[in-house]
Amino acid sequence: MFAPDRERCDAFDNAVIESFWGSMQIELLNRKRWTTRLELSMAMVDWIEGFYNRRRRHSSIGNVSPIEFERRQSLQAA
């Protein structure tokens, strides 16, 4: 019996999320001891929305931040 394609394991399946969690671990979680889960949750949301998604350089868009990428796109469209 063979597993359906969607159930087969691939060494690269988790690479993106493992990279994300590794970055969060180094850049946020290892820098402070959190007193409550709520405090940790809020810090994680702030890090993801404030830094990771907006200012961090992403290789998928030419190693620039999403803000810079959008600025360049708007200049090209104008």
PDB file of N, CA and C in Angstrom:
ATOM      1  N   MET A   1       0.846  -1.178   0.000  1.00  0.00           N
ATOM      2  CA  MET A   1       0.000   0.000   0.000  1.00  0.00           C
ATOM      3  C   MET A   1       0.892   1.243   0.000  1.00  0.00           C
ATOM      4  N   PHE A   2       0.566   2.219  -0.834  1.00  0.00           N
ATOM      5  CA  PHE A   2       1.336   3.453  -0.943  1.00  0.00           C
ATOM      6  C   PHE A   2       0.555   4.618  -0.347  1.00  0.00           C
ATOM      7  N   ALA A   3       1.292   5.529   0.266  1.00  0.00           N
ATOM      8  CA  ALA A   3       0.660   6.734   0.822  1.00  0.00           C
ATOM      9  C   ALA A   3       0.319   7.687  -0.322  1.00  0.00           C
ATOM     10  N   PRO A   4      -0.789   8.378  -0.211  1.00  0.00           N
ATOM     11  CA  PRO A   4      -1.098   9.392  -1.231  1.00  0.00           C
ATOM     12  C   PRO A   4       0.003  10.458  -1.263  1.00  0.00           C
ATOM     13  N   ASP A   5       0.133  11.143  -2.387  1.00  0.00           N
ATOM     14  CA  ASP A   5       1.192  12.140  -2.548  1.00  0.00           C
ATOM     15  C   ASP A   5       1.223  13.165  -1.423  1.00  0.00           C
ATOM     16  N   ARG A   6       0.079  13.615  -0.979  1.00  0.00           N
ATOM     17  CA  ARG A   6       0.055  14.653   0.040  1.00  0.00           C
ATOM     18  C   ARG A   6       0.564  14.160   1.389  1.00  0.00           C
ATOM     19  N   GLU A   7       0.677  12.863   1.585  1.00  0.00           N
ATOM     20  CA  GLU A   7       1.140  12.319   2.855  1.00  0.00           C
ATOM     21  C   GLU A   7       2.601  11.897   2.828  1.00  0.00           C
ATOM     22  N   ARG A   8       3.227  11.912   1.660  1.00  0.00           N
ATOM     23  CA  ARG A   8       4.623  11.515   1.577  1.00  0.00           C
ATOM     24  C   ARG A   8       5.510  12.544   2.249  1.00  0.00           C
ATOM     25  N   CYS A   9       6.558  12.081   2.873  1.00  0.00           N
ATOM     26  CA  CYS A   9       7.493  12.980   3.550  1.00  0.00           C
ATOM     27  C   CYS A   9       8.535  13.477   2.568  1.00  0.00           C
ATOM     28  N   ASP A  10       8.895  14.711   2.721  1.00  0.00           N
ATOM     29  CA  ASP A  10       9.912  15.337   1.898  1.00  0.00           C
ATOM     30  C   ASP A  10      10.802  16.138   2.837  1.00  0.00           C
ATOM     31  N   ALA A  11      12.100  16.037   2.635  1.00  0.00           N
ATOM     32  CA  ALA A  11      13.050  16.719   3.513  1.00  0.00           C
ATOM     33  C   ALA A  11      12.851  18.225   3.501  1.00  0.00           C
ATOM     34  N   PHE A  12      12.268  18.779   2.444  1.00  0.00           N
ATOM     35  CA  PHE A  12      12.119  20.224   2.337  1.00  0.00           C
ATOM     36  C   PHE A  12      10.731  20.720   2.752  1.00  0.00           C
ATOM     37  N   ASP A  13       9.842  19.823   3.162  1.00  0.00           N
ATOM     38  CA  ASP A  13       8.494  20.225   3.552  1.00  0.00           C
ATOM     39  C   ASP A  13       8.499  21.276   4.650  1.00  0.00           C
ATOM     40  N   ASN A  14       9.347  21.105   5.640  1.00  0.00           N
ATOM     41  CA  ASN A  14       9.330  21.975   6.804  1.00  0.00           C
ATOM     42  C   ASN A  14      10.419  23.033   6.786  1.00  0.00           C
ATOM     43  N   ALA A  15      11.169  23.146   5.718  1.00  0.00           N
ATOM     44  CA  ALA A  15      12.318  24.052   5.691  1.00  0.00           C
ATOM     45  C   ALA A  15      11.919  25.501   5.953  1.00  0.00           C
ATOM     46  N   VAL A  16      10.840  25.966   5.363  1.00  0.00           N
ATOM     47  CA  VAL A  16      10.437  27.360   5.523  1.00  0.00           C
ATOM     48  C   VAL A  16      10.026  27.648   6.957  1.00  0.00           C
ATOM     49  N   ILE A  17       9.189  26.804   7.511  1.00  0.00           N
ATOM     50  CA  ILE A  17       8.715  27.061   8.875  1.00  0.00           C
ATOM     51  C   ILE A  17       9.840  26.866   9.892  1.00  0.00           C
ATOM     52  N   GLU A  18      10.736  25.917   9.649  1.00  0.00           N
ATOM     53  CA  GLU A  18      11.864  25.739  10.559  1.00  0.00           C
ATOM     54  C   GLU A  18      12.796  26.948  10.510  1.00  0.00           C
ATOM     55  N   SER A  19      12.971  27.534   9.348  1.00  0.00           N
ATOM     56  CA  SER A  19      13.764  28.756   9.223  1.00  0.00           C
ATOM     57  C   SER A  19      13.095  29.899   9.985  1.00  0.00           C
ATOM     58  N   PHE A  20      11.783  30.029   9.842  1.00  0.00           N
ATOM     59  CA  PHE A  20      11.035  31.060  10.553  1.00  0.00           C
ATOM     60  C   PHE A  20      11.179  30.905  12.063  1.00  0.00           C
ATOM     61  N   TRP A  21      10.939  29.679  12.568  1.00  0.00           N
ATOM     62  CA  TRP A  21      11.031  29.455  14.012  1.00  0.00           C
ATOM     63  C   TRP A  21      12.455  29.657  14.518  1.00  0.00           C
ATOM     64  N   GLY A  22      13.442  29.282  13.715  1.00  0.00           N
ATOM     65  CA  GLY A  22      14.833  29.501  14.100  1.00  0.00           C
ATOM     66  C   GLY A  22      15.148  30.971  14.223  1.00  0.00           C
ATOM     67  N   SER A  23      14.656  31.764  13.278  1.00  0.00           N
ATOM     68  CA  SER A  23      14.853  33.211  13.339  1.00  0.00           C
ATOM     69  C   SER A  23      14.170  33.805  14.560  1.00  0.00           C
ATOM     70  N   MET A  24      12.941  33.376  14.824  1.00  0.00           N
ATOM     71  CA  MET A  24      12.225  33.887  15.987  1.00  0.00           C
ATOM     72  C   MET A  24      12.937  33.507  17.281  1.00  0.00           C
ATOM     73  N   GLN A  25      13.443  32.301  17.328  1.00  0.00           N
ATOM     74  CA  GLN A  25      14.138  31.837  18.529  1.00  0.00           C
ATOM     75  C   GLN A  25      15.352  32.716  18.829  1.00  0.00           C
ATOM     76  N   ILE A  26      16.154  32.978  17.805  1.00  0.00           N
ATOM     77  CA  ILE A  26      17.381  33.751  17.982  1.00  0.00           C
ATOM     78  C   ILE A  26      17.091  35.235  18.207  1.00  0.00           C
ATOM     79  N   GLU A  27      16.196  35.803  17.399  1.00  0.00           N
ATOM     80  CA  GLU A  27      15.985  37.245  17.404  1.00  0.00           C
ATOM     81  C   GLU A  27      15.005  37.736  18.460  1.00  0.00           C
ATOM     82  N   LEU A  28      14.185  36.844  19.015  1.00  0.00           N
ATOM     83  CA  LEU A  28      13.189  37.285  19.988  1.00  0.00           C
ATOM     84  C   LEU A  28      13.209  36.449  21.261  1.00  0.00           C
ATOM     85  N   LEU A  29      13.002  35.161  21.134  1.00  0.00           N
ATOM     86  CA  LEU A  29      12.758  34.332  22.314  1.00  0.00           C
ATOM     87  C   LEU A  29      13.973  34.172  23.218  1.00  0.00           C
ATOM     88  N   ASN A  30      15.162  34.138  22.660  1.00  0.00           N
ATOM     89  CA  ASN A  30      16.360  33.950  23.476  1.00  0.00           C
ATOM     90  C   ASN A  30      16.832  35.230  24.163  1.00  0.00           C
ATOM     91  N   ARG A  31      16.194  36.337  23.891  1.00  0.00           N
ATOM     92  CA  ARG A  31      16.676  37.621  24.403  1.00  0.00           C
ATOM     93  C   ARG A  31      16.027  38.061  25.698  1.00  0.00           C
ATOM     94  N   LYS A  32      14.994  37.390  26.139  1.00  0.00           N
ATOM     95  CA  LYS A  32      14.274  37.827  27.328  1.00  0.00           C
ATOM     96  C   LYS A  32      13.572  36.644  27.979  1.00  0.00           C
ATOM     97  N   ARG A  33      13.386  36.742  29.268  1.00  0.00           N
ATOM     98  CA  ARG A  33      12.598  35.740  29.985  1.00  0.00           C
ATOM     99  C   ARG A  33      11.192  36.308  30.152  1.00  0.00           C
ATOM    100  N   TRP A  34      10.220  35.593  29.662  1.00  0.00           N
ATOM    101  CA  TRP A  34       8.841  36.078  29.652  1.00  0.00           C
ATOM    102  C   TRP A  34       8.144  35.657  30.939  1.00  0.00           C
ATOM    103  N   THR A  35       7.370  36.570  31.531  1.00  0.00           N
ATOM    104  CA  THR A  35       6.714  36.277  32.805  1.00  0.00           C
ATOM    105  C   THR A  35       5.340  35.635  32.633  1.00  0.00           C
ATOM    106  N   THR A  36       4.630  35.973  31.558  1.00  0.00           N
ATOM    107  CA  THR A  36       3.311  35.380  31.313  1.00  0.00           C
ATOM    108  C   THR A  36       3.200  34.948  29.857  1.00  0.00           C
ATOM    109  N   ARG A  37       2.289  34.057  29.611  1.00  0.00           N
ATOM    110  CA  ARG A  37       2.044  33.621  28.234  1.00  0.00           C
ATOM    111  C   ARG A  37       1.473  34.764  27.394  1.00  0.00           C
ATOM    112  N   LEU A  38       0.673  35.610  28.013  1.00  0.00           N
ATOM    113  CA  LEU A  38       0.112  36.749  27.301  1.00  0.00           C
ATOM    114  C   LEU A  38       1.222  37.700  26.851  1.00  0.00           C
ATOM    115  N   GLU A  39       2.167  37.960  27.733  1.00  0.00           N
ATOM    116  CA  GLU A  39       3.296  38.818  27.384  1.00  0.00           C
ATOM    117  C   GLU A  39       4.099  38.219  26.226  1.00  0.00           C
ATOM    118  N   LEU A  40       4.332  36.926  26.282  1.00  0.00           N
ATOM    119  CA  LEU A  40       5.046  36.241  25.203  1.00  0.00           C
ATOM    120  C   LEU A  40       4.251  36.297  23.903  1.00  0.00           C
ATOM    121  N   SER A  41       2.970  36.040  23.982  1.00  0.00           N
ATOM    122  CA  SER A  41       2.119  36.080  22.782  1.00  0.00           C
ATOM    123  C   SER A  41       2.137  37.454  22.129  1.00  0.00           C
ATOM    124  N   MET A  42       2.025  38.487  22.928  1.00  0.00           N
ATOM    125  CA  MET A  42       2.037  39.847  22.390  1.00  0.00           C
ATOM    126  C   MET A  42       3.394  40.177  21.768  1.00  0.00           C
ATOM    127  N   ALA A  43       4.470  39.737  22.396  1.00  0.00           N
ATOM    128  CA  ALA A  43       5.807  39.974  21.848  1.00  0.00           C
ATOM    129  C   ALA A  43       5.982  39.253  20.514  1.00  0.00           C
ATOM    130  N   MET A  44       5.439  38.044  20.409  1.00  0.00           N
ATOM    131  CA  MET A  44       5.539  37.292  19.159  1.00  0.00           C
ATOM    132  C   MET A  44       4.759  37.986  18.045  1.00  0.00           C
ATOM    133  N   VAL A  45       3.572  38.448  18.344  1.00  0.00           N
ATOM    134  CA  VAL A  45       2.764  39.160  17.340  1.00  0.00           C
ATOM    135  C   VAL A  45       3.483  40.434  16.914  1.00  0.00           C
ATOM    136  N   ASP A  46       4.005  41.177  17.876  1.00  0.00           N
ATOM    137  CA  ASP A  46       4.736  42.410  17.550  1.00  0.00           C
ATOM    138  C   ASP A  46       5.942  42.117  16.669  1.00  0.00           C
ATOM    139  N   TRP A  47       6.671  41.044  16.978  1.00  0.00           N
ATOM    140  CA  TRP A  47       7.863  40.691  16.195  1.00  0.00           C
ATOM    141  C   TRP A  47       7.474  40.292  14.778  1.00  0.00           C
ATOM    142  N   ILE A  48       6.448  39.477  14.652  1.00  0.00           N
ATOM    143  CA  ILE A  48       6.020  39.017  13.321  1.00  0.00           C
ATOM    144  C   ILE A  48       5.492  40.178  12.498  1.00  0.00           C
ATOM    145  N   GLU A  49       4.578  40.943  13.054  1.00  0.00           N
ATOM    146  CA  GLU A  49       3.944  42.029  12.296  1.00  0.00           C
ATOM    147  C   GLU A  49       4.829  43.260  12.160  1.00  0.00           C
ATOM    148  N   GLY A  50       5.630  43.543  13.165  1.00  0.00           N
ATOM    149  CA  GLY A  50       6.428  44.759  13.137  1.00  0.00           C
ATOM    150  C   GLY A  50       7.781  44.611  12.474  1.00  0.00           C
ATOM    151  N   PHE A  51       8.398  43.443  12.601  1.00  0.00           N
ATOM    152  CA  PHE A  51       9.736  43.263  12.042  1.00  0.00           C
ATOM    153  C   PHE A  51       9.765  42.231  10.929  1.00  0.00           C
ATOM    154  N   TYR A  52       9.358  41.019  11.213  1.00  0.00           N
ATOM    155  CA  TYR A  52       9.536  39.915  10.272  1.00  0.00           C
ATOM    156  C   TYR A  52       8.806  40.162   8.958  1.00  0.00           C
ATOM    157  N   ASN A  53       7.580  40.587   9.028  1.00  0.00           N
ATOM    158  CA  ASN A  53       6.795  40.779   7.801  1.00  0.00           C
ATOM    159  C   ASN A  53       7.095  42.081   7.080  1.00  0.00           C
ATOM    160  N   ARG A  54       7.563  43.102   7.783  1.00  0.00           N
ATOM    161  CA  ARG A  54       7.695  44.416   7.156  1.00  0.00           C
ATOM    162  C   ARG A  54       9.122  44.836   6.865  1.00  0.00           C
ATOM    163  N   ARG A  55      10.033  44.653   7.815  1.00  0.00           N
ATOM    164  CA  ARG A  55      11.377  45.215   7.655  1.00  0.00           C
ATOM    165  C   ARG A  55      12.448  44.181   7.313  1.00  0.00           C
ATOM    166  N   ARG A  56      12.214  42.923   7.622  1.00  0.00           N
ATOM    167  CA  ARG A  56      13.213  41.890   7.365  1.00  0.00           C
ATOM    168  C   ARG A  56      13.358  41.666   5.860  1.00  0.00           C
ATOM    169  N   ARG A  57      14.600  41.492   5.403  1.00  0.00           N
ATOM    170  CA  ARG A  57      14.821  41.212   3.981  1.00  0.00           C
ATOM    171  C   ARG A  57      14.380  39.782   3.665  1.00  0.00           C
ATOM    172  N   HIS A  58      13.690  39.620   2.553  1.00  0.00           N
ATOM    173  CA  HIS A  58      13.179  38.312   2.133  1.00  0.00           C
ATOM    174  C   HIS A  58      13.830  37.915   0.811  1.00  0.00           C
ATOM    175  N   SER A  59      14.377  36.709   0.773  1.00  0.00           N
ATOM    176  CA  SER A  59      15.061  36.256  -0.438  1.00  0.00           C
ATOM    177  C   SER A  59      14.103  36.094  -1.612  1.00  0.00           C
ATOM    178  N   SER A  60      12.839  35.826  -1.350  1.00  0.00           N
ATOM    179  CA  SER A  60      11.880  35.612  -2.434  1.00  0.00           C
ATOM    180  C   SER A  60      11.549  36.886  -3.206  1.00  0.00           C
ATOM    181  N   ILE A  61      11.912  38.051  -2.659  1.00  0.00           N
ATOM    182  CA  ILE A  61      11.640  39.310  -3.357  1.00  0.00           C
ATOM    183  C   ILE A  61      12.927  40.100  -3.575  1.00  0.00           C
ATOM    184  N   GLY A  62      14.016  39.382  -3.796  1.00  0.00           N
ATOM    185  CA  GLY A  62      15.276  40.025  -4.152  1.00  0.00           C
ATOM    186  C   GLY A  62      16.086  40.546  -2.980  1.00  0.00           C
ATOM    187  N   ASN A  63      15.935  39.935  -1.828  1.00  0.00           N
ATOM    188  CA  ASN A  63      16.672  40.329  -0.616  1.00  0.00           C
ATOM    189  C   ASN A  63      16.467  41.782  -0.227  1.00  0.00           C
ATOM    190  N   VAL A  64      15.237  42.250  -0.361  1.00  0.00           N
ATOM    191  CA  VAL A  64      14.862  43.568   0.139  1.00  0.00           C
ATOM    192  C   VAL A  64      13.673  43.377   1.084  1.00  0.00           C
ATOM    193  N   SER A  65      13.413  44.388   1.890  1.00  0.00           N
ATOM    194  CA  SER A  65      12.262  44.305   2.793  1.00  0.00           C
ATOM    195  C   SER A  65      10.976  44.454   1.981  1.00  0.00           C
ATOM    196  N   PRO A  66       9.866  43.952   2.490  1.00  0.00           N
ATOM    197  CA  PRO A  66       8.609  44.138   1.773  1.00  0.00           C
ATOM    198  C   PRO A  66       8.267  45.614   1.559  1.00  0.00           C
ATOM    199  N   ILE A  67       8.620  46.463   2.511  1.00  0.00           N
ATOM    200  CA  ILE A  67       8.360  47.891   2.350  1.00  0.00           C
ATOM    201  C   ILE A  67       9.153  48.439   1.163  1.00  0.00           C
ATOM    202  N   GLU A  68      10.436  48.075   1.076  1.00  0.00           N
ATOM    203  CA  GLU A  68      11.270  48.526  -0.036  1.00  0.00           C
ATOM    204  C   GLU A  68      10.774  47.945  -1.359  1.00  0.00           C
ATOM    205  N   PHE A  69      10.378  46.689  -1.356  1.00  0.00           N
ATOM    206  CA  PHE A  69       9.854  46.052  -2.560  1.00  0.00           C
ATOM    207  C   PHE A  69       8.622  46.785  -3.066  1.00  0.00           C
ATOM    208  N   GLU A  70       7.687  47.105  -2.168  1.00  0.00           N
ATOM    209  CA  GLU A  70       6.479  47.822  -2.562  1.00  0.00           C
ATOM    210  C   GLU A  70       6.806  49.228  -3.057  1.00  0.00           C
ATOM    211  N   ARG A  71       7.783  49.891  -2.431  1.00  0.00           N
ATOM    212  CA  ARG A  71       8.187  51.224  -2.872  1.00  0.00           C
ATOM    213  C   ARG A  71       8.714  51.161  -4.294  1.00  0.00           C
ATOM    214  N   ARG A  72       9.561  50.169  -4.570  1.00  0.00           N
ATOM    215  CA  ARG A  72      10.105  50.004  -5.928  1.00  0.00           C
ATOM    216  C   ARG A  72       9.011  49.701  -6.933  1.00  0.00           C
ATOM    217  N   GLN A  73       8.066  48.857  -6.540  1.00  0.00           N
ATOM    218  CA  GLN A  73       6.965  48.513  -7.439  1.00  0.00           C
ATOM    219  C   GLN A  73       6.119  49.752  -7.758  1.00  0.00           C
ATOM    220  N   SER A  74       5.880  50.583  -6.775  1.00  0.00           N
ATOM    221  CA  SER A  74       5.057  51.771  -7.016  1.00  0.00           C
ATOM    222  C   SER A  74       5.794  52.776  -7.894  1.00  0.00           C
ATOM    223  N   LEU A  75       7.128  52.843  -7.768  1.00  0.00           N
ATOM    224  CA  LEU A  75       7.915  53.733  -8.637  1.00  0.00           C
ATOM    225  C   LEU A  75       7.907  53.245 -10.079  1.00  0.00           C
ATOM    226  N   GLN A  76       7.933  51.926 -10.264  1.00  0.00           N
ATOM    227  CA  GLN A  76       7.885  51.369 -11.625  1.00  0.00           C
ATOM    228  C   GLN A  76       6.521  51.598 -12.267  1.00  0.00           C
ATOM    229  N   ALA A  77       5.484  51.535 -11.468  1.00  0.00           N
ATOM    230  CA  ALA A  77       4.126  51.702 -11.991  1.00  0.00           C
ATOM    231  C   ALA A  77       3.835  53.155 -12.341  1.00  0.00           C
ATOM    232  N   ALA A  78       4.534  54.059 -11.694  1.00  0.00           N
ATOM    233  CA  ALA A  78       4.261  55.500 -11.912  1.00  0.00           C
ATOM    234  C   ALA A  78       4.872  56.011 -13.194  1.00  0.00           C
TER     235      ALA A  78
END
